[in-house]
Amino acid sequence: MSIEERLRAVADDVYRWSNGPGDRYARHAHAYTKVLYCLEGSIDFALDDRIIHLGPGERMVLPAGTAHAATVGPAGCACVEGKARGRTRADGETER
């Protein structure tokens, strides 16, 4: 099963996107729990208490309302993300 197929099994509104080296996203939050896989390159997500570095094949579950910013790595990145179905546990995982 591909990464995108695995994501579609647990999330809605799944889509792919990509950015060039060094691109940045300003601090923001979402009203939904985001599930994101890095497919190529790398990206760093800055949360209030830590940096989450994602490389190819790695996943992040970001609970609704979590403020974050992002910086794309030196080779750019390609990602796929969606809105998690179900409840999010304290550890960031999603229950169905």
N, C-alpha and C. Protein backbone atom coordinates (compact mmCIF):
# COMPACT_ATOMS: atom_id res chain seq x y z
N MET A 1 0.85 -1.17 0.00
CA MET A 1 0.00 0.00 0.00
C MET A 1 0.91 1.24 0.00
N SER A 2 0.61 2.20 -0.85
CA SER A 2 1.42 3.42 -0.93
C SER A 2 1.15 4.35 0.25
N ILE A 3 2.03 5.30 0.46
CA ILE A 3 1.83 6.28 1.52
C ILE A 3 0.51 7.01 1.34
N GLU A 4 0.22 7.41 0.12
CA GLU A 4 -1.03 8.14 -0.13
C GLU A 4 -2.24 7.26 0.16
N GLU A 5 -2.18 5.99 -0.19
CA GLU A 5 -3.29 5.07 0.11
C GLU A 5 -3.46 4.91 1.62
N ARG A 6 -2.35 4.80 2.35
CA ARG A 6 -2.43 4.70 3.81
C ARG A 6 -3.07 5.94 4.40
N LEU A 7 -2.69 7.11 3.88
CA LEU A 7 -3.26 8.36 4.38
C LEU A 7 -4.75 8.44 4.08
N ARG A 8 -5.15 8.07 2.87
CA ARG A 8 -6.57 8.13 2.51
C ARG A 8 -7.43 7.21 3.37
N ALA A 9 -6.82 6.19 3.97
CA ALA A 9 -7.57 5.28 4.85
C ALA A 9 -7.93 5.94 6.19
N VAL A 10 -7.21 7.01 6.57
CA VAL A 10 -7.45 7.64 7.87
C VAL A 10 -7.76 9.13 7.80
N ALA A 11 -7.74 9.70 6.58
CA ALA A 11 -7.92 11.14 6.46
C ALA A 11 -8.79 11.51 5.26
N ASP A 12 -9.41 12.67 5.35
CA ASP A 12 -10.20 13.24 4.26
C ASP A 12 -9.44 14.39 3.61
N ASP A 13 -9.93 14.85 2.46
CA ASP A 13 -9.36 16.01 1.77
C ASP A 13 -7.85 15.87 1.55
N VAL A 14 -7.41 14.70 1.13
CA VAL A 14 -5.99 14.41 0.92
C VAL A 14 -5.51 15.08 -0.36
N TYR A 15 -4.34 15.73 -0.27
CA TYR A 15 -3.75 16.36 -1.45
C TYR A 15 -2.23 16.41 -1.32
N ARG A 16 -1.58 16.51 -2.48
CA ARG A 16 -0.11 16.61 -2.56
C ARG A 16 0.27 18.06 -2.81
N TRP A 17 1.45 18.43 -2.31
CA TRP A 17 1.99 19.75 -2.59
C TRP A 17 3.51 19.69 -2.53
N SER A 18 4.14 20.72 -3.07
CA SER A 18 5.60 20.78 -3.03
C SER A 18 6.05 22.23 -2.96
N ASN A 19 7.27 22.41 -2.47
CA ASN A 19 7.86 23.73 -2.35
C ASN A 19 9.35 23.65 -2.65
N GLY A 20 9.91 24.80 -3.00
CA GLY A 20 11.33 24.90 -3.29
C GLY A 20 12.16 25.08 -2.03
N PRO A 21 13.48 24.93 -2.17
CA PRO A 21 14.40 25.05 -1.04
C PRO A 21 14.22 26.37 -0.28
N GLY A 22 14.17 26.26 1.04
CA GLY A 22 14.11 27.44 1.88
C GLY A 22 12.76 28.14 1.98
N ASP A 23 11.75 27.67 1.25
CA ASP A 23 10.43 28.29 1.36
C ASP A 23 9.95 28.19 2.80
N ARG A 24 9.16 29.20 3.22
CA ARG A 24 8.69 29.25 4.61
C ARG A 24 7.19 29.47 4.67
N TYR A 25 6.61 28.91 5.71
CA TYR A 25 5.20 29.16 6.05
C TYR A 25 5.19 29.86 7.40
N ALA A 26 4.52 30.99 7.48
CA ALA A 26 4.43 31.74 8.74
C ALA A 26 3.63 30.94 9.77
N ARG A 27 3.80 31.30 11.01
CA ARG A 27 3.09 30.64 12.12
C ARG A 27 1.58 30.72 11.90
N HIS A 28 0.92 29.56 12.06
CA HIS A 28 -0.52 29.47 11.90
C HIS A 28 -1.01 28.19 12.59
N ALA A 29 -2.32 27.99 12.61
CA ALA A 29 -2.92 26.78 13.19
C ALA A 29 -4.10 26.37 12.32
N HIS A 30 -4.52 25.12 12.48
CA HIS A 30 -5.65 24.59 11.72
C HIS A 30 -6.75 24.15 12.70
N ALA A 31 -7.98 24.20 12.25
CA ALA A 31 -9.12 23.78 13.07
C ALA A 31 -9.29 22.27 13.06
N TYR A 32 -8.44 21.57 12.33
CA TYR A 32 -8.52 20.11 12.19
C TYR A 32 -7.17 19.49 12.52
N THR A 33 -7.16 18.20 12.81
CA THR A 33 -5.91 17.47 13.01
C THR A 33 -5.32 17.14 11.65
N LYS A 34 -4.10 17.61 11.43
CA LYS A 34 -3.41 17.41 10.16
C LYS A 34 -2.54 16.16 10.24
N VAL A 35 -2.63 15.30 9.23
CA VAL A 35 -1.73 14.16 9.08
C VAL A 35 -0.94 14.42 7.81
N LEU A 36 0.38 14.47 7.92
CA LEU A 36 1.23 14.84 6.79
C LEU A 36 2.38 13.86 6.67
N TYR A 37 2.64 13.42 5.46
CA TYR A 37 3.81 12.61 5.14
C TYR A 37 4.71 13.41 4.21
N CYS A 38 6.01 13.38 4.50
CA CYS A 38 7.00 13.93 3.57
C CYS A 38 7.31 12.82 2.56
N LEU A 39 7.23 13.13 1.29
CA LEU A 39 7.50 12.15 0.24
C LEU A 39 8.91 12.28 -0.32
N GLU A 40 9.39 13.52 -0.46
CA GLU A 40 10.72 13.80 -1.00
C GLU A 40 11.30 15.01 -0.30
N GLY A 41 12.62 15.08 -0.22
CA GLY A 41 13.27 16.23 0.40
C GLY A 41 13.06 16.24 1.89
N SER A 42 12.92 17.45 2.45
CA SER A 42 12.73 17.57 3.90
C SER A 42 12.01 18.87 4.23
N ILE A 43 11.43 18.90 5.44
CA ILE A 43 10.75 20.08 5.94
C ILE A 43 10.79 20.04 7.46
N ASP A 44 10.97 21.23 8.06
CA ASP A 44 10.98 21.37 9.51
C ASP A 44 9.75 22.14 9.95
N PHE A 45 9.04 21.60 10.94
CA PHE A 45 7.88 22.27 11.52
C PHE A 45 8.27 22.78 12.90
N ALA A 46 8.14 24.09 13.12
CA ALA A 46 8.49 24.71 14.40
C ALA A 46 7.23 24.85 15.24
N LEU A 47 7.16 24.09 16.33
CA LEU A 47 6.07 24.20 17.30
C LEU A 47 6.60 25.05 18.47
N ASP A 48 5.75 25.37 19.41
CA ASP A 48 6.17 26.19 20.54
C ASP A 48 7.29 25.53 21.34
N ASP A 49 7.27 24.20 21.45
CA ASP A 49 8.22 23.52 22.32
C ASP A 49 9.25 22.65 21.62
N ARG A 50 9.20 22.57 20.29
CA ARG A 50 10.17 21.70 19.59
C ARG A 50 10.12 21.92 18.08
N ILE A 51 11.11 21.37 17.40
CA ILE A 51 11.17 21.33 15.94
C ILE A 51 10.93 19.88 15.52
N ILE A 52 10.03 19.67 14.58
CA ILE A 52 9.79 18.34 14.03
C ILE A 52 10.40 18.32 12.63
N HIS A 53 11.43 17.50 12.45
CA HIS A 53 12.09 17.36 11.15
C HIS A 53 11.52 16.14 10.44
N LEU A 54 11.06 16.34 9.21
CA LEU A 54 10.53 15.22 8.41
C LEU A 54 11.37 15.03 7.17
N GLY A 55 11.73 13.79 6.90
CA GLY A 55 12.38 13.39 5.66
C GLY A 55 11.49 12.40 4.93
N PRO A 56 11.94 11.89 3.80
CA PRO A 56 11.12 10.98 3.00
C PRO A 56 10.56 9.80 3.79
N GLY A 57 9.23 9.62 3.69
CA GLY A 57 8.54 8.52 4.35
C GLY A 57 8.13 8.79 5.78
N GLU A 58 8.53 9.93 6.34
CA GLU A 58 8.20 10.23 7.73
C GLU A 58 6.87 10.96 7.84
N ARG A 59 6.19 10.75 8.97
CA ARG A 59 4.82 11.24 9.18
C ARG A 59 4.75 12.15 10.39
N MET A 60 3.86 13.13 10.32
CA MET A 60 3.56 14.00 11.44
C MET A 60 2.05 14.04 11.62
N VAL A 61 1.61 13.93 12.88
CA VAL A 61 0.21 14.13 13.22
C VAL A 61 0.16 15.37 14.09
N LEU A 62 -0.47 16.42 13.61
CA LEU A 62 -0.50 17.69 14.30
C LEU A 62 -1.92 17.96 14.80
N PRO A 63 -2.14 17.90 16.13
CA PRO A 63 -3.49 18.09 16.66
C PRO A 63 -4.09 19.45 16.28
N ALA A 64 -5.38 19.49 16.14
CA ALA A 64 -6.10 20.73 15.82
C ALA A 64 -5.72 21.81 16.81
N GLY A 65 -5.55 23.03 16.28
CA GLY A 65 -5.25 24.17 17.12
C GLY A 65 -3.79 24.34 17.48
N THR A 66 -2.90 23.46 17.03
CA THR A 66 -1.47 23.55 17.35
C THR A 66 -0.80 24.58 16.45
N ALA A 67 -0.31 25.64 17.05
CA ALA A 67 0.39 26.67 16.28
C ALA A 67 1.72 26.12 15.78
N HIS A 68 2.04 26.43 14.53
CA HIS A 68 3.28 25.95 13.92
C HIS A 68 3.68 26.84 12.75
N ALA A 69 4.96 26.81 12.44
CA ALA A 69 5.52 27.42 11.24
C ALA A 69 6.31 26.32 10.55
N ALA A 70 6.73 26.55 9.32
CA ALA A 70 7.48 25.51 8.61
C ALA A 70 8.54 26.13 7.72
N THR A 71 9.66 25.40 7.57
CA THR A 71 10.73 25.79 6.67
C THR A 71 11.13 24.57 5.85
N VAL A 72 11.13 24.73 4.54
CA VAL A 72 11.50 23.66 3.62
C VAL A 72 13.02 23.50 3.61
N GLY A 73 13.47 22.26 3.52
CA GLY A 73 14.89 21.94 3.53
C GLY A 73 15.61 22.35 2.26
N PRO A 74 16.94 22.11 2.21
CA PRO A 74 17.78 22.58 1.11
C PRO A 74 17.52 21.94 -0.25
N ALA A 75 16.83 20.80 -0.28
CA ALA A 75 16.52 20.13 -1.55
C ALA A 75 15.05 20.31 -1.93
N GLY A 76 14.33 21.18 -1.21
CA GLY A 76 12.89 21.31 -1.45
C GLY A 76 12.16 20.17 -0.76
N CYS A 77 10.86 20.08 -1.02
CA CYS A 77 10.08 18.98 -0.45
C CYS A 77 8.84 18.73 -1.28
N ALA A 78 8.35 17.52 -1.17
CA ALA A 78 7.04 17.13 -1.70
C ALA A 78 6.35 16.39 -0.57
N CYS A 79 5.09 16.74 -0.30
CA CYS A 79 4.36 16.16 0.81
C CYS A 79 2.95 15.79 0.39
N VAL A 80 2.31 14.98 1.18
CA VAL A 80 0.90 14.67 1.02
C VAL A 80 0.28 14.80 2.40
N GLU A 81 -0.90 15.43 2.48
CA GLU A 81 -1.53 15.65 3.77
C GLU A 81 -3.03 15.55 3.67
N GLY A 82 -3.66 15.42 4.83
CA GLY A 82 -5.11 15.37 4.89
C GLY A 82 -5.60 15.69 6.28
N LYS A 83 -6.92 15.75 6.42
CA LYS A 83 -7.58 16.03 7.69
C LYS A 83 -7.96 14.70 8.34
N ALA A 84 -7.40 14.45 9.51
CA ALA A 84 -7.63 13.17 10.20
C ALA A 84 -9.10 12.97 10.53
N ARG A 85 -9.53 11.73 10.38
CA ARG A 85 -10.86 11.34 10.86
C ARG A 85 -10.72 10.87 12.28
N GLY A 86 -11.74 11.05 13.11
CA GLY A 86 -11.71 10.53 14.47
C GLY A 86 -11.11 11.50 15.44
N ARG A 87 -10.87 11.01 16.66
CA ARG A 87 -10.32 11.83 17.74
C ARG A 87 -8.81 11.72 17.76
N THR A 88 -8.16 12.78 18.27
CA THR A 88 -6.71 12.76 18.43
C THR A 88 -6.37 12.56 19.90
N ARG A 89 -5.49 11.62 20.16
CA ARG A 89 -5.05 11.34 21.52
C ARG A 89 -3.99 12.35 21.94
N ALA A 90 -3.66 12.36 23.21
CA ALA A 90 -2.66 13.28 23.74
C ALA A 90 -1.29 13.09 23.08
N ASP A 91 -0.98 11.87 22.61
CA ASP A 91 0.31 11.61 21.97
C ASP A 91 0.33 11.97 20.49
N GLY A 92 -0.77 12.59 19.98
CA GLY A 92 -0.80 13.02 18.60
C GLY A 92 -1.32 11.99 17.63
N GLU A 93 -1.51 10.76 18.08
CA GLU A 93 -2.06 9.74 17.19
C GLU A 93 -3.57 9.90 17.09
N THR A 94 -4.16 9.36 16.04
CA THR A 94 -5.60 9.51 15.81
C THR A 94 -6.31 8.21 16.08
N GLU A 95 -7.38 8.28 16.87
CA GLU A 95 -8.23 7.11 17.09
C GLU A 95 -9.38 7.14 16.12
N ARG A 96 -9.75 5.98 15.62
CA ARG A 96 -10.88 5.91 14.67
C ARG A 96 -12.14 5.59 15.40
